[in-house]
Amino acid sequence: MSPGNVGRGPSSRNTKPAIPESLLTGIAGGDPATNDHHGRVDLVPYLRAHSFLRVEWPPALWDADCDDELLIRLTGELIAAALARGNELDAVGLRANNVVVTDAGVPAPGEYVALTVDGAGDWGNEITWNPRADRTPTLVNPDVDAAARAVDIRWAYTRRTPEGGSVTVFLTRLAPT
């Protein structure tokens, strides 16, 4: 769908753009079809925007190095997975943590920002997920798995608890300047 057809279904006969192209390029800073959203993602405003959930983060949360639009898609899929398990929005948790991995293995040593979504219900078997490994299990469901691969999640895992379960994904930390 081209940017000029925002809000119009494929059966629309109206070919007039819904939003003038000049306005789209002015807001987005260039051609919307080629706008690159990869780079620094300040997660604190992102987390505050999810205040309808139980949200937690440390006082000095690192920035992530990822595509912001793909991160929004992944977060939406994770929240949808929690809701599908019978949770209300205010019962879904969204946590962010700074993580340093020092031991060789998976994930590779480095600095990461871990995002966790949790809630009640059956989250299935506990797994570790490495998108670069052969025969890695599906992360939660096919939609979450595809969204995690698209945003370049480095590693993830799921956990079962007596109250429910969670999924944690590792984003690469943006190197400090």
N, C-alpha and C. Protein backbone atom coordinates (compact mmCIF):
# COMPACT_ATOMS: atom_id res chain seq x y z
N MET A 1 0.85 -1.16 0.00
CA MET A 1 0.00 0.00 0.00
C MET A 1 0.90 1.23 0.00
N SER A 2 0.63 2.14 -0.87
CA SER A 2 1.45 3.34 -0.92
C SER A 2 1.02 4.31 0.17
N PRO A 3 1.91 5.22 0.59
CA PRO A 3 1.57 6.16 1.65
C PRO A 3 0.35 7.02 1.32
N GLY A 4 0.12 7.28 0.06
CA GLY A 4 -1.04 8.08 -0.33
C GLY A 4 -2.36 7.38 -0.12
N ASN A 5 -2.34 6.08 0.08
CA ASN A 5 -3.56 5.32 0.27
C ASN A 5 -3.78 4.92 1.72
N VAL A 6 -3.15 5.62 2.64
CA VAL A 6 -3.31 5.31 4.05
C VAL A 6 -4.78 5.38 4.40
N GLY A 7 -5.29 4.34 5.04
CA GLY A 7 -6.67 4.33 5.48
C GLY A 7 -7.65 3.90 4.41
N ARG A 8 -7.19 3.53 3.26
CA ARG A 8 -8.08 3.10 2.20
C ARG A 8 -7.82 1.63 1.91
N GLY A 9 -8.88 0.88 1.80
CA GLY A 9 -8.75 -0.53 1.50
C GLY A 9 -8.42 -0.75 0.05
N PRO A 10 -8.04 -1.98 -0.31
CA PRO A 10 -7.66 -2.26 -1.70
C PRO A 10 -8.80 -2.09 -2.68
N SER A 11 -10.06 -2.10 -2.20
CA SER A 11 -11.18 -1.99 -3.12
C SER A 11 -11.59 -0.54 -3.36
N SER A 12 -10.91 0.40 -2.72
CA SER A 12 -11.26 1.80 -2.88
C SER A 12 -11.02 2.26 -4.32
N ARG A 13 -12.00 2.97 -4.87
CA ARG A 13 -11.86 3.49 -6.23
C ARG A 13 -11.28 4.90 -6.21
N ASN A 14 -11.19 5.52 -5.06
CA ASN A 14 -10.67 6.86 -4.96
C ASN A 14 -9.15 6.81 -5.03
N THR A 15 -8.58 7.44 -6.03
CA THR A 15 -7.13 7.43 -6.19
C THR A 15 -6.47 8.67 -5.61
N LYS A 16 -7.28 9.60 -5.09
CA LYS A 16 -6.73 10.81 -4.48
C LYS A 16 -6.04 10.43 -3.17
N PRO A 17 -4.81 10.89 -2.95
CA PRO A 17 -4.11 10.55 -1.71
C PRO A 17 -4.87 11.05 -0.49
N ALA A 18 -4.93 10.23 0.56
CA ALA A 18 -5.58 10.62 1.80
C ALA A 18 -4.77 11.70 2.51
N ILE A 19 -3.45 11.65 2.39
CA ILE A 19 -2.55 12.62 3.02
C ILE A 19 -1.62 13.13 1.93
N PRO A 20 -1.50 14.45 1.80
CA PRO A 20 -0.60 14.98 0.76
C PRO A 20 0.82 14.44 0.93
N GLU A 21 1.44 14.06 -0.17
CA GLU A 21 2.79 13.51 -0.15
C GLU A 21 3.78 14.47 0.50
N SER A 22 3.62 15.77 0.26
CA SER A 22 4.54 16.75 0.84
C SER A 22 4.47 16.73 2.37
N LEU A 23 3.29 16.53 2.92
CA LEU A 23 3.15 16.46 4.37
C LEU A 23 3.81 15.21 4.92
N LEU A 24 3.64 14.09 4.24
CA LEU A 24 4.27 12.85 4.69
C LEU A 24 5.78 12.97 4.71
N THR A 25 6.35 13.52 3.65
CA THR A 25 7.81 13.62 3.61
C THR A 25 8.32 14.64 4.60
N GLY A 26 7.53 15.66 4.91
CA GLY A 26 7.95 16.66 5.88
C GLY A 26 7.96 16.10 7.30
N ILE A 27 6.99 15.29 7.65
CA ILE A 27 6.91 14.71 8.98
C ILE A 27 7.98 13.64 9.17
N ALA A 28 8.10 12.76 8.20
CA ALA A 28 9.01 11.63 8.34
C ALA A 28 10.45 11.96 7.99
N GLY A 29 10.68 13.12 7.41
CA GLY A 29 12.05 13.50 7.10
C GLY A 29 12.58 12.89 5.82
N GLY A 30 11.74 12.52 4.91
CA GLY A 30 12.19 11.95 3.64
C GLY A 30 11.11 11.11 3.02
N ASP A 31 11.49 10.35 2.03
CA ASP A 31 10.56 9.47 1.35
C ASP A 31 10.09 8.39 2.31
N PRO A 32 8.78 8.30 2.60
CA PRO A 32 8.31 7.32 3.58
C PRO A 32 8.62 5.88 3.18
N ALA A 33 8.74 5.63 1.89
CA ALA A 33 9.02 4.26 1.45
C ALA A 33 10.45 3.85 1.76
N THR A 34 11.35 4.81 1.94
CA THR A 34 12.75 4.48 2.18
C THR A 34 13.24 4.97 3.54
N ASN A 35 12.33 5.46 4.39
CA ASN A 35 12.74 5.98 5.69
C ASN A 35 13.27 4.83 6.56
N ASP A 36 14.49 4.97 7.04
CA ASP A 36 15.14 3.96 7.86
C ASP A 36 14.89 4.26 9.32
N HIS A 37 14.29 3.33 10.04
CA HIS A 37 13.96 3.52 11.44
C HIS A 37 14.93 2.80 12.36
N HIS A 38 16.03 2.29 11.82
CA HIS A 38 16.99 1.56 12.63
C HIS A 38 17.94 2.54 13.29
N GLY A 39 18.22 2.29 14.55
CA GLY A 39 19.17 3.14 15.27
C GLY A 39 18.83 3.20 16.74
N ARG A 40 19.09 4.36 17.34
CA ARG A 40 18.90 4.56 18.77
C ARG A 40 17.42 4.55 19.12
N VAL A 41 17.05 3.70 20.08
CA VAL A 41 15.69 3.68 20.60
C VAL A 41 15.79 3.93 22.10
N ASP A 42 15.32 5.11 22.52
CA ASP A 42 15.22 5.46 23.93
C ASP A 42 14.00 4.75 24.47
N LEU A 43 14.21 3.74 25.28
CA LEU A 43 13.11 2.88 25.72
C LEU A 43 12.26 3.48 26.84
N VAL A 44 12.74 4.49 27.55
CA VAL A 44 11.95 5.04 28.66
C VAL A 44 10.64 5.65 28.16
N PRO A 45 10.64 6.55 27.17
CA PRO A 45 9.35 7.05 26.66
C PRO A 45 8.50 5.92 26.08
N TYR A 46 9.14 4.97 25.47
CA TYR A 46 8.45 3.81 24.91
C TYR A 46 7.72 3.04 26.01
N LEU A 47 8.39 2.83 27.12
CA LEU A 47 7.77 2.12 28.25
C LEU A 47 6.68 2.96 28.89
N ARG A 48 6.91 4.25 29.04
CA ARG A 48 5.87 5.13 29.60
C ARG A 48 4.61 5.11 28.75
N ALA A 49 4.76 4.96 27.46
CA ALA A 49 3.59 4.90 26.57
C ALA A 49 2.77 3.64 26.80
N HIS A 50 3.34 2.67 27.49
CA HIS A 50 2.62 1.43 27.81
C HIS A 50 2.15 1.41 29.26
N SER A 51 1.82 2.57 29.82
CA SER A 51 1.46 2.67 31.23
C SER A 51 0.16 1.96 31.57
N PHE A 52 -0.57 1.50 30.58
CA PHE A 52 -1.78 0.71 30.82
C PHE A 52 -1.41 -0.71 31.26
N LEU A 53 -0.13 -1.07 31.17
CA LEU A 53 0.39 -2.35 31.64
C LEU A 53 1.11 -2.12 32.98
N ARG A 54 1.56 -3.19 33.62
CA ARG A 54 2.46 -3.08 34.77
C ARG A 54 3.87 -2.91 34.21
N VAL A 55 4.41 -1.72 34.25
CA VAL A 55 5.68 -1.42 33.58
C VAL A 55 6.76 -1.14 34.62
N GLU A 56 7.96 -1.70 34.40
CA GLU A 56 9.10 -1.49 35.28
C GLU A 56 10.36 -1.33 34.44
N TRP A 57 11.28 -0.45 34.91
CA TRP A 57 12.59 -0.30 34.29
C TRP A 57 13.56 0.29 35.30
N PRO A 58 14.85 0.05 35.13
CA PRO A 58 15.84 0.60 36.06
C PRO A 58 16.03 2.10 35.84
N PRO A 59 16.61 2.80 36.82
CA PRO A 59 16.79 4.25 36.71
C PRO A 59 17.66 4.68 35.52
N ALA A 60 18.62 3.89 35.12
CA ALA A 60 19.52 4.26 34.02
C ALA A 60 19.44 3.22 32.91
N LEU A 61 18.26 3.09 32.32
CA LEU A 61 18.06 2.10 31.26
C LEU A 61 18.83 2.50 30.01
N TRP A 62 19.53 1.52 29.42
CA TRP A 62 20.29 1.77 28.20
C TRP A 62 19.36 1.93 27.01
N ASP A 63 19.86 2.60 25.98
CA ASP A 63 19.16 2.68 24.71
C ASP A 63 19.40 1.39 23.93
N ALA A 64 18.43 1.00 23.14
CA ALA A 64 18.55 -0.18 22.29
C ALA A 64 18.96 0.24 20.89
N ASP A 65 19.62 -0.66 20.18
CA ASP A 65 20.03 -0.46 18.80
C ASP A 65 19.15 -1.36 17.94
N CYS A 66 18.04 -0.79 17.45
CA CYS A 66 17.10 -1.61 16.67
C CYS A 66 16.20 -0.69 15.85
N ASP A 67 15.32 -1.28 15.10
CA ASP A 67 14.32 -0.56 14.32
C ASP A 67 13.11 -0.31 15.21
N ASP A 68 12.77 0.95 15.44
CA ASP A 68 11.68 1.27 16.36
C ASP A 68 10.33 0.71 15.91
N GLU A 69 10.05 0.76 14.62
CA GLU A 69 8.76 0.25 14.14
C GLU A 69 8.66 -1.26 14.32
N LEU A 70 9.76 -1.97 14.09
CA LEU A 70 9.74 -3.42 14.28
C LEU A 70 9.65 -3.78 15.76
N LEU A 71 10.23 -2.96 16.62
CA LEU A 71 10.09 -3.19 18.05
C LEU A 71 8.64 -3.00 18.50
N ILE A 72 7.98 -2.00 17.95
CA ILE A 72 6.56 -1.79 18.26
C ILE A 72 5.75 -3.01 17.84
N ARG A 73 6.04 -3.56 16.67
CA ARG A 73 5.34 -4.76 16.21
C ARG A 73 5.57 -5.93 17.16
N LEU A 74 6.83 -6.15 17.55
CA LEU A 74 7.14 -7.25 18.47
C LEU A 74 6.43 -7.07 19.80
N THR A 75 6.47 -5.86 20.35
CA THR A 75 5.80 -5.62 21.63
C THR A 75 4.31 -5.88 21.51
N GLY A 76 3.72 -5.46 20.43
CA GLY A 76 2.29 -5.73 20.20
C GLY A 76 1.99 -7.22 20.15
N GLU A 77 2.84 -7.97 19.48
CA GLU A 77 2.63 -9.43 19.41
C GLU A 77 2.80 -10.07 20.78
N LEU A 78 3.77 -9.59 21.57
CA LEU A 78 3.96 -10.14 22.92
C LEU A 78 2.77 -9.83 23.81
N ILE A 79 2.26 -8.60 23.73
CA ILE A 79 1.09 -8.23 24.52
C ILE A 79 -0.12 -9.05 24.08
N ALA A 80 -0.29 -9.23 22.78
CA ALA A 80 -1.40 -10.06 22.27
C ALA A 80 -1.29 -11.49 22.78
N ALA A 81 -0.07 -12.02 22.86
CA ALA A 81 0.11 -13.38 23.38
C ALA A 81 -0.31 -13.45 24.84
N ALA A 82 0.00 -12.42 25.62
CA ALA A 82 -0.41 -12.39 27.03
C ALA A 82 -1.92 -12.29 27.15
N LEU A 83 -2.54 -11.46 26.32
CA LEU A 83 -4.00 -11.32 26.35
C LEU A 83 -4.70 -12.60 25.93
N ALA A 84 -4.11 -13.32 24.99
CA ALA A 84 -4.69 -14.59 24.52
C ALA A 84 -4.71 -15.65 25.62
N ARG A 85 -3.92 -15.45 26.66
CA ARG A 85 -3.87 -16.37 27.79
C ARG A 85 -4.85 -15.97 28.88
N GLY A 86 -5.74 -15.02 28.57
CA GLY A 86 -6.80 -14.65 29.50
C GLY A 86 -6.50 -13.47 30.40
N ASN A 87 -5.42 -12.76 30.16
CA ASN A 87 -5.07 -11.61 31.00
C ASN A 87 -5.82 -10.36 30.56
N GLU A 88 -6.11 -9.50 31.52
CA GLU A 88 -6.57 -8.14 31.24
C GLU A 88 -5.31 -7.29 31.05
N LEU A 89 -5.44 -6.16 30.36
CA LEU A 89 -4.27 -5.32 30.09
C LEU A 89 -3.50 -4.94 31.35
N ASP A 90 -4.23 -4.57 32.42
CA ASP A 90 -3.53 -4.12 33.63
C ASP A 90 -2.87 -5.26 34.40
N ALA A 91 -3.08 -6.50 33.94
CA ALA A 91 -2.43 -7.66 34.56
C ALA A 91 -1.21 -8.13 33.77
N VAL A 92 -0.94 -7.49 32.64
CA VAL A 92 0.21 -7.84 31.81
C VAL A 92 1.40 -7.00 32.26
N GLY A 93 2.53 -7.64 32.47
CA GLY A 93 3.74 -6.93 32.86
C GLY A 93 4.66 -6.70 31.67
N LEU A 94 5.32 -5.55 31.66
CA LEU A 94 6.34 -5.21 30.67
C LEU A 94 7.52 -4.64 31.44
N ARG A 95 8.64 -5.38 31.43
CA ARG A 95 9.84 -4.96 32.17
C ARG A 95 11.00 -4.82 31.22
N ALA A 96 11.88 -3.88 31.54
CA ALA A 96 13.13 -3.71 30.80
C ALA A 96 14.26 -3.74 31.80
N ASN A 97 15.37 -4.37 31.41
CA ASN A 97 16.55 -4.45 32.26
C ASN A 97 17.80 -4.36 31.40
N ASN A 98 18.84 -3.79 31.98
CA ASN A 98 20.16 -3.81 31.37
C ASN A 98 20.80 -5.15 31.72
N VAL A 99 21.41 -5.82 30.74
CA VAL A 99 22.01 -7.13 30.96
C VAL A 99 23.41 -7.15 30.34
N VAL A 100 24.38 -7.64 31.11
CA VAL A 100 25.74 -7.83 30.60
C VAL A 100 26.03 -9.32 30.61
N VAL A 101 26.37 -9.87 29.44
CA VAL A 101 26.73 -11.27 29.32
C VAL A 101 28.25 -11.33 29.18
N THR A 102 28.90 -12.07 30.08
CA THR A 102 30.36 -12.15 30.06
C THR A 102 30.87 -13.51 29.61
N ASP A 103 30.08 -14.55 29.77
CA ASP A 103 30.53 -15.90 29.42
C ASP A 103 30.32 -16.17 27.93
N ALA A 104 31.27 -16.88 27.33
CA ALA A 104 31.15 -17.27 25.93
C ALA A 104 29.96 -18.22 25.79
N GLY A 105 29.26 -18.10 24.72
CA GLY A 105 28.11 -18.97 24.46
C GLY A 105 27.01 -18.18 23.80
N VAL A 106 25.77 -18.60 24.10
CA VAL A 106 24.60 -17.95 23.52
C VAL A 106 23.78 -17.42 24.69
N PRO A 107 23.47 -16.14 24.72
CA PRO A 107 23.85 -15.14 23.73
C PRO A 107 25.34 -14.82 23.82
N ALA A 108 25.85 -14.22 22.77
CA ALA A 108 27.27 -13.86 22.73
C ALA A 108 27.56 -12.83 23.82
N PRO A 109 28.78 -12.81 24.32
CA PRO A 109 29.13 -11.79 25.31
C PRO A 109 28.84 -10.40 24.76
N GLY A 110 28.31 -9.56 25.61
CA GLY A 110 27.99 -8.20 25.20
C GLY A 110 26.99 -7.57 26.14
N GLU A 111 26.56 -6.38 25.76
CA GLU A 111 25.58 -5.64 26.55
C GLU A 111 24.25 -5.62 25.81
N TYR A 112 23.20 -5.91 26.55
CA TYR A 112 21.86 -6.05 25.98
C TYR A 112 20.84 -5.30 26.82
N VAL A 113 19.71 -5.02 26.21
CA VAL A 113 18.53 -4.58 26.95
C VAL A 113 17.52 -5.72 26.82
N ALA A 114 17.11 -6.25 27.97
CA ALA A 114 16.15 -7.35 27.98
C ALA A 114 14.75 -6.78 28.21
N LEU A 115 13.81 -7.18 27.36
CA LEU A 115 12.41 -6.83 27.53
C LEU A 115 11.65 -8.10 27.88
N THR A 116 10.84 -8.03 28.93
CA THR A 116 10.07 -9.18 29.38
C THR A 116 8.59 -8.82 29.41
N VAL A 117 7.76 -9.69 28.88
CA VAL A 117 6.31 -9.59 29.01
C VAL A 117 5.87 -10.80 29.80
N ASP A 118 5.04 -10.57 30.83
CA ASP A 118 4.57 -11.69 31.65
C ASP A 118 3.09 -11.55 31.95
N GLY A 119 2.53 -12.66 32.37
CA GLY A 119 1.12 -12.68 32.75
C GLY A 119 0.70 -14.07 33.17
N ALA A 120 -0.53 -14.18 33.58
CA ALA A 120 -1.08 -15.46 34.00
C ALA A 120 -1.31 -16.34 32.77
N GLY A 121 -1.63 -17.60 33.04
CA GLY A 121 -1.98 -18.52 31.97
C GLY A 121 -0.85 -19.46 31.60
N ASP A 122 -1.16 -20.33 30.65
CA ASP A 122 -0.20 -21.33 30.20
C ASP A 122 0.65 -20.77 29.07
N TRP A 123 1.93 -20.59 29.33
CA TRP A 123 2.86 -20.06 28.34
C TRP A 123 3.64 -21.18 27.66
N GLY A 124 3.22 -22.43 27.88
CA GLY A 124 3.88 -23.56 27.23
C GLY A 124 5.16 -23.95 27.93
N ASN A 125 5.91 -24.81 27.29
CA ASN A 125 7.17 -25.29 27.84
C ASN A 125 8.22 -24.19 27.87
N GLU A 126 9.12 -24.27 28.84
CA GLU A 126 10.24 -23.33 28.89
C GLU A 126 11.19 -23.65 27.73
N ILE A 127 11.60 -22.59 27.05
CA ILE A 127 12.53 -22.77 25.92
C ILE A 127 13.58 -21.67 25.96
N THR A 128 14.69 -21.93 25.29
CA THR A 128 15.63 -20.88 24.92
C THR A 128 15.55 -20.78 23.40
N TRP A 129 15.69 -19.58 22.90
CA TRP A 129 15.48 -19.32 21.48
C TRP A 129 16.69 -18.59 20.92
N ASN A 130 17.31 -19.22 19.94
CA ASN A 130 18.45 -18.64 19.25
C ASN A 130 18.12 -18.62 17.76
N PRO A 131 17.83 -17.45 17.21
CA PRO A 131 17.39 -17.39 15.81
C PRO A 131 18.46 -17.83 14.82
N ARG A 132 19.70 -17.95 15.24
CA ARG A 132 20.79 -18.35 14.34
C ARG A 132 21.08 -19.85 14.39
N ALA A 133 20.36 -20.56 15.26
CA ALA A 133 20.59 -22.00 15.41
C ALA A 133 19.64 -22.80 14.53
N ASP A 134 20.10 -23.98 14.13
CA ASP A 134 19.23 -24.90 13.40
C ASP A 134 18.20 -25.47 14.38
N ARG A 135 17.02 -25.69 13.89
CA ARG A 135 15.94 -26.31 14.66
C ARG A 135 15.63 -25.61 15.98
N THR A 136 15.68 -24.29 16.00
CA THR A 136 15.28 -23.58 17.20
C THR A 136 13.76 -23.63 17.31
N PRO A 137 13.22 -23.78 18.52
CA PRO A 137 11.75 -23.86 18.65
C PRO A 137 11.10 -22.52 18.31
N THR A 138 9.81 -22.56 18.06
CA THR A 138 9.04 -21.33 17.81
C THR A 138 8.95 -20.54 19.10
N LEU A 139 9.20 -19.25 19.03
CA LEU A 139 9.12 -18.37 20.19
C LEU A 139 7.66 -17.97 20.41
N VAL A 140 7.02 -18.57 21.37
CA VAL A 140 5.64 -18.34 21.81
C VAL A 140 4.62 -18.75 20.76
N ASN A 141 4.62 -18.12 19.59
CA ASN A 141 3.73 -18.49 18.49
C ASN A 141 4.36 -17.97 17.20
N PRO A 142 3.85 -18.36 16.05
CA PRO A 142 4.49 -17.93 14.79
C PRO A 142 4.58 -16.41 14.61
N ASP A 143 3.59 -15.65 15.10
CA ASP A 143 3.63 -14.20 14.94
C ASP A 143 4.72 -13.57 15.80
N VAL A 144 4.85 -14.01 17.06
CA VAL A 144 5.92 -13.50 17.92
C VAL A 144 7.28 -13.89 17.34
N ASP A 145 7.41 -15.12 16.89
CA ASP A 145 8.67 -15.60 16.32
C ASP A 145 9.09 -14.74 15.13
N ALA A 146 8.15 -14.48 14.21
CA ALA A 146 8.46 -13.68 13.02
C ALA A 146 8.82 -12.24 13.40
N ALA A 147 8.10 -11.67 14.36
CA ALA A 147 8.39 -10.29 14.78
C ALA A 147 9.75 -10.21 15.46
N ALA A 148 10.11 -11.21 16.25
CA ALA A 148 11.41 -11.23 16.93
C ALA A 148 12.54 -11.34 15.91
N ARG A 149 12.35 -12.16 14.90
CA ARG A 149 13.37 -12.28 13.86
C ARG A 149 13.51 -10.97 13.07
N ALA A 150 12.40 -10.31 12.80
CA ALA A 150 12.42 -9.07 12.02
C ALA A 150 13.18 -7.96 12.74
N VAL A 151 13.04 -7.86 14.06
CA VAL A 151 13.70 -6.79 14.82
C VAL A 151 15.12 -7.20 15.23
N ASP A 152 15.53 -8.39 14.85
CA ASP A 152 16.88 -8.90 15.10
C ASP A 152 17.16 -9.15 16.58
N ILE A 153 16.21 -9.81 17.24
CA ILE A 153 16.42 -10.24 18.62
C ILE A 153 17.57 -11.24 18.61
N ARG A 154 18.50 -11.06 19.53
CA ARG A 154 19.71 -11.90 19.58
C ARG A 154 19.48 -13.21 20.29
N TRP A 155 18.58 -13.20 21.26
CA TRP A 155 18.33 -14.41 22.06
C TRP A 155 17.08 -14.16 22.86
N ALA A 156 16.38 -15.22 23.23
CA ALA A 156 15.16 -15.09 24.02
C ALA A 156 14.94 -16.37 24.81
N TYR A 157 14.08 -16.26 25.79
CA TYR A 157 13.69 -17.45 26.55
C TYR A 157 12.29 -17.26 27.12
N THR A 158 11.63 -18.37 27.39
CA THR A 158 10.34 -18.34 28.06
C THR A 158 10.48 -19.04 29.40
N ARG A 159 9.62 -18.65 30.34
CA ARG A 159 9.63 -19.24 31.68
C ARG A 159 8.21 -19.52 32.11
N ARG A 160 8.07 -20.60 32.90
CA ARG A 160 6.81 -20.93 33.56
C ARG A 160 6.97 -20.59 35.03
N THR A 161 5.94 -20.04 35.61
CA THR A 161 5.91 -19.77 37.03
C THR A 161 4.61 -20.32 37.59
N PRO A 162 4.50 -20.46 38.90
CA PRO A 162 3.22 -20.91 39.45
C PRO A 162 2.06 -19.98 39.08
N GLU A 163 2.36 -18.70 38.87
CA GLU A 163 1.31 -17.73 38.52
C GLU A 163 1.04 -17.64 37.02
N GLY A 164 1.93 -18.11 36.18
CA GLY A 164 1.76 -17.98 34.74
C GLY A 164 3.05 -18.20 34.00
N GLY A 165 3.51 -17.17 33.31
CA GLY A 165 4.75 -17.32 32.56
C GLY A 165 5.19 -16.00 31.97
N SER A 166 6.31 -16.08 31.22
CA SER A 166 6.88 -14.87 30.63
C SER A 166 7.72 -15.23 29.42
N VAL A 167 8.00 -14.20 28.65
CA VAL A 167 8.95 -14.30 27.55
C VAL A 167 9.88 -13.10 27.66
N THR A 168 11.17 -13.35 27.52
CA THR A 168 12.20 -12.30 27.60
C THR A 168 12.99 -12.32 26.31
N VAL A 169 13.16 -11.14 25.72
CA VAL A 169 13.92 -11.00 24.48
C VAL A 169 15.09 -10.06 24.72
N PHE A 170 16.21 -10.33 24.05
CA PHE A 170 17.43 -9.54 24.20
C PHE A 170 17.66 -8.67 22.97
N LEU A 171 17.64 -7.36 23.18
CA LEU A 171 17.98 -6.38 22.16
C LEU A 171 19.42 -5.94 22.37
N THR A 172 20.13 -5.67 21.31
CA THR A 172 21.49 -5.16 21.43
C THR A 172 21.47 -3.74 21.99
N ARG A 173 22.36 -3.48 22.95
CA ARG A 173 22.50 -2.13 23.49
C ARG A 173 23.16 -1.24 22.45
N LEU A 174 22.69 -0.01 22.33
CA LEU A 174 23.35 0.97 21.48
C LEU A 174 24.66 1.34 22.16
N ALA A 175 25.76 1.25 21.43
CA ALA A 175 27.07 1.55 22.00
C ALA A 175 27.09 2.99 22.48
N PRO A 176 27.54 3.21 23.73
CA PRO A 176 27.59 4.59 24.23
C PRO A 176 28.63 5.41 23.46
N THR A 177 28.34 6.68 23.29
CA THR A 177 29.27 7.56 22.56
C THR A 177 29.99 8.49 23.49
